Amino acid sequence: MSTEQDKTTGAAATPSKSTHALRAEATAARAQLALTLDAIEYKLNVPKRLRDQERLARRRLHKLGEENPTALLGVAIGSALAVGAAVWFALRAVLDD
């Protein structure tokens, strides 16, 4: 067989690593763990994600207003009509009961 196996664990025997290499691996593993924990924290932090989405939407609307004010006006009118229609249907549903 080309690889020797440890009798107790069955794992392939690995050459011993220097202290410097082990410390470098540990540092890399810590950095990866920190990135993973940051990603998990961001996923679970809903208020922060909502703030980020709001900032992104504001930037996009601001950019749209600078590039094409007519399109921004159309978005504003469409939003107002959608909100008005939702209020209208909600009122009709409440008053018809």
C-alpha atoms as a PDB file:
ATOM      1  CA  MET A   1       0.000   0.000   0.000  1.00  0.00           C
ATOM      2  CA  SER A   2       1.312   3.485  -0.775  1.00  0.00           C
ATOM      3  CA  THR A   3       0.121   5.161   2.463  1.00  0.00           C
ATOM      4  CA  GLU A   4       0.636   3.989   5.962  1.00  0.00           C
ATOM      5  CA  GLN A   5      -2.356   4.098   8.258  1.00  0.00           C
ATOM      6  CA  ASP A   6      -2.454   4.758  11.974  1.00  0.00           C
ATOM      7  CA  LYS A   7      -3.475   1.581  13.768  1.00  0.00           C
ATOM      8  CA  THR A   8      -5.741   3.350  16.307  1.00  0.00           C
ATOM      9  CA  THR A   9      -7.627   5.861  14.139  1.00  0.00           C
ATOM     10  CA  GLY A  10      -7.282   4.443  10.652  1.00  0.00           C
ATOM     11  CA  ALA A  11      -6.174   7.864   9.400  1.00  0.00           C
ATOM     12  CA  ALA A  12      -3.347   8.242   6.945  1.00  0.00           C
ATOM     13  CA  ALA A  13      -0.071   9.224   8.575  1.00  0.00           C
ATOM     14  CA  THR A  14       0.802  12.884   7.951  1.00  0.00           C
ATOM     15  CA  PRO A  15       4.226  14.399   8.089  1.00  0.00           C
ATOM     16  CA  SER A  16       4.806  16.594  11.120  1.00  0.00           C
ATOM     17  CA  LYS A  17       4.380  20.321  10.489  1.00  0.00           C
ATOM     18  CA  SER A  18       6.503  23.093  11.840  1.00  0.00           C
ATOM     19  CA  THR A  19       5.236  25.379  14.578  1.00  0.00           C
ATOM     20  CA  HIS A  20       5.171  28.263  12.122  1.00  0.00           C
ATOM     21  CA  ALA A  21       2.993  26.318   9.670  1.00  0.00           C
ATOM     22  CA  LEU A  22       0.608  25.252  12.429  1.00  0.00           C
ATOM     23  CA  ARG A  23       0.280  28.833  13.660  1.00  0.00           C
ATOM     24  CA  ALA A  24      -0.371  30.025  10.107  1.00  0.00           C
ATOM     25  CA  GLU A  25      -3.113  27.410   9.704  1.00  0.00           C
ATOM     26  CA  ALA A  26      -4.653  28.397  13.038  1.00  0.00           C
ATOM     27  CA  THR A  27      -4.618  32.072  12.040  1.00  0.00           C
ATOM     28  CA  ALA A  28      -6.271  31.265   8.714  1.00  0.00           C
ATOM     29  CA  ALA A  29      -8.886  29.118  10.471  1.00  0.00           C
ATOM     30  CA  ARG A  30      -9.635  31.942  12.935  1.00  0.00           C
ATOM     31  CA  ALA A  31     -10.036  34.423  10.083  1.00  0.00           C
ATOM     32  CA  GLN A  32     -12.409  32.051   8.273  1.00  0.00           C
ATOM     33  CA  LEU A  33     -14.388  31.510  11.484  1.00  0.00           C
ATOM     34  CA  ALA A  34     -14.652  35.268  12.005  1.00  0.00           C
ATOM     35  CA  LEU A  35     -15.991  35.723   8.459  1.00  0.00           C
ATOM     36  CA  THR A  36     -18.506  32.932   8.987  1.00  0.00           C
ATOM     37  CA  LEU A  37     -19.704  34.403  12.283  1.00  0.00           C
ATOM     38  CA  ASP A  38     -20.042  37.850  10.688  1.00  0.00           C
ATOM     39  CA  ALA A  39     -22.135  36.356   7.891  1.00  0.00           C
ATOM     40  CA  ILE A  40     -24.377  34.538  10.382  1.00  0.00           C
ATOM     41  CA  GLU A  41     -24.761  37.705  12.463  1.00  0.00           C
ATOM     42  CA  TYR A  42     -25.730  39.699   9.366  1.00  0.00           C
ATOM     43  CA  LYS A  43     -28.284  37.059   8.337  1.00  0.00           C
ATOM     44  CA  LEU A  44     -29.912  37.078  11.776  1.00  0.00           C
ATOM     45  CA  ASN A  45     -29.823  40.868  12.246  1.00  0.00           C
ATOM     46  CA  VAL A  46     -33.055  41.737  10.436  1.00  0.00           C
ATOM     47  CA  PRO A  47     -33.183  45.444  11.444  1.00  0.00           C
ATOM     48  CA  LYS A  48     -29.690  46.006  10.044  1.00  0.00           C
ATOM     49  CA  ARG A  49     -30.594  44.216   6.816  1.00  0.00           C
ATOM     50  CA  LEU A  50     -33.735  46.364   6.480  1.00  0.00           C
ATOM     51  CA  ARG A  51     -31.674  49.541   7.009  1.00  0.00           C
ATOM     52  CA  ASP A  52     -29.217  48.374   4.350  1.00  0.00           C
ATOM     53  CA  GLN A  53     -32.050  47.655   1.917  1.00  0.00           C
ATOM     54  CA  GLU A  54     -33.602  51.057   2.631  1.00  0.00           C
ATOM     55  CA  ARG A  55     -30.287  52.829   1.963  1.00  0.00           C
ATOM     56  CA  LEU A  56     -29.866  50.888  -1.270  1.00  0.00           C
ATOM     57  CA  ALA A  57     -33.395  51.777  -2.421  1.00  0.00           C
ATOM     58  CA  ARG A  58     -32.820  55.452  -1.603  1.00  0.00           C
ATOM     59  CA  ARG A  59     -29.569  55.472  -3.577  1.00  0.00           C
ATOM     60  CA  ARG A  60     -31.255  53.825  -6.551  1.00  0.00           C
ATOM     61  CA  LEU A  61     -34.152  56.296  -6.489  1.00  0.00           C
ATOM     62  CA  HIS A  62     -31.758  59.220  -6.167  1.00  0.00           C
ATOM     63  CA  LYS A  63     -29.720  57.940  -9.118  1.00  0.00           C
ATOM     64  CA  LEU A  64     -32.913  57.387 -11.134  1.00  0.00           C
ATOM     65  CA  GLY A  65     -34.015  60.949 -10.340  1.00  0.00           C
ATOM     66  CA  GLU A  66     -30.714  62.334 -11.587  1.00  0.00           C
ATOM     67  CA  GLU A  67     -30.633  60.213 -14.745  1.00  0.00           C
ATOM     68  CA  ASN A  68     -34.330  60.239 -15.684  1.00  0.00           C
ATOM     69  CA  PRO A  69     -36.649  62.504 -13.669  1.00  0.00           C
ATOM     70  CA  THR A  70     -39.670  61.458 -15.756  1.00  0.00           C
ATOM     71  CA  ALA A  71     -39.216  57.827 -14.773  1.00  0.00           C
ATOM     72  CA  LEU A  72     -38.950  58.834 -11.110  1.00  0.00           C
ATOM     73  CA  LEU A  73     -42.205  60.773 -11.458  1.00  0.00           C
ATOM     74  CA  GLY A  74     -43.806  57.654 -12.950  1.00  0.00           C
ATOM     75  CA  VAL A  75     -42.581  55.550 -10.022  1.00  0.00           C
ATOM     76  CA  ALA A  76     -43.964  58.093  -7.547  1.00  0.00           C
ATOM     77  CA  ILE A  77     -47.365  58.250  -9.256  1.00  0.00           C
ATOM     78  CA  GLY A  78     -47.540  54.456  -9.533  1.00  0.00           C
ATOM     79  CA  SER A  79     -46.698  54.069  -5.842  1.00  0.00           C
ATOM     80  CA  ALA A  80     -49.317  56.629  -4.860  1.00  0.00           C
ATOM     81  CA  LEU A  81     -51.955  54.856  -6.975  1.00  0.00           C
ATOM     82  CA  ALA A  82     -51.059  51.482  -5.449  1.00  0.00           C
ATOM     83  CA  VAL A  83     -51.328  52.829  -1.892  1.00  0.00           C
ATOM     84  CA  GLY A  84     -54.579  54.626  -2.729  1.00  0.00           C
ATOM     85  CA  ALA A  85     -56.068  51.467  -4.237  1.00  0.00           C
ATOM     86  CA  ALA A  86     -55.061  49.409  -1.195  1.00  0.00           C
ATOM     87  CA  VAL A  87     -56.669  51.936   1.150  1.00  0.00           C
ATOM     88  CA  TRP A  88     -59.799  52.097  -1.033  1.00  0.00           C
ATOM     89  CA  PHE A  89     -60.249  48.305  -1.071  1.00  0.00           C
ATOM     90  CA  ALA A  90     -59.559  48.054   2.667  1.00  0.00           C
ATOM     91  CA  LEU A  91     -62.181  50.722   3.418  1.00  0.00           C
ATOM     92  CA  ARG A  92     -64.723  49.064   1.130  1.00  0.00           C
ATOM     93  CA  ALA A  93     -64.140  45.720   2.811  1.00  0.00           C
ATOM     94  CA  VAL A  94     -64.619  47.240   6.273  1.00  0.00           C
ATOM     95  CA  LEU A  95     -67.667  49.328   5.353  1.00  0.00           C
ATOM     96  CA  ASP A  96     -69.420  46.510   3.416  1.00  0.00           C
ATOM     97  CA  ASP A  97     -69.463  44.267   6.507  1.00  0.00           C
END
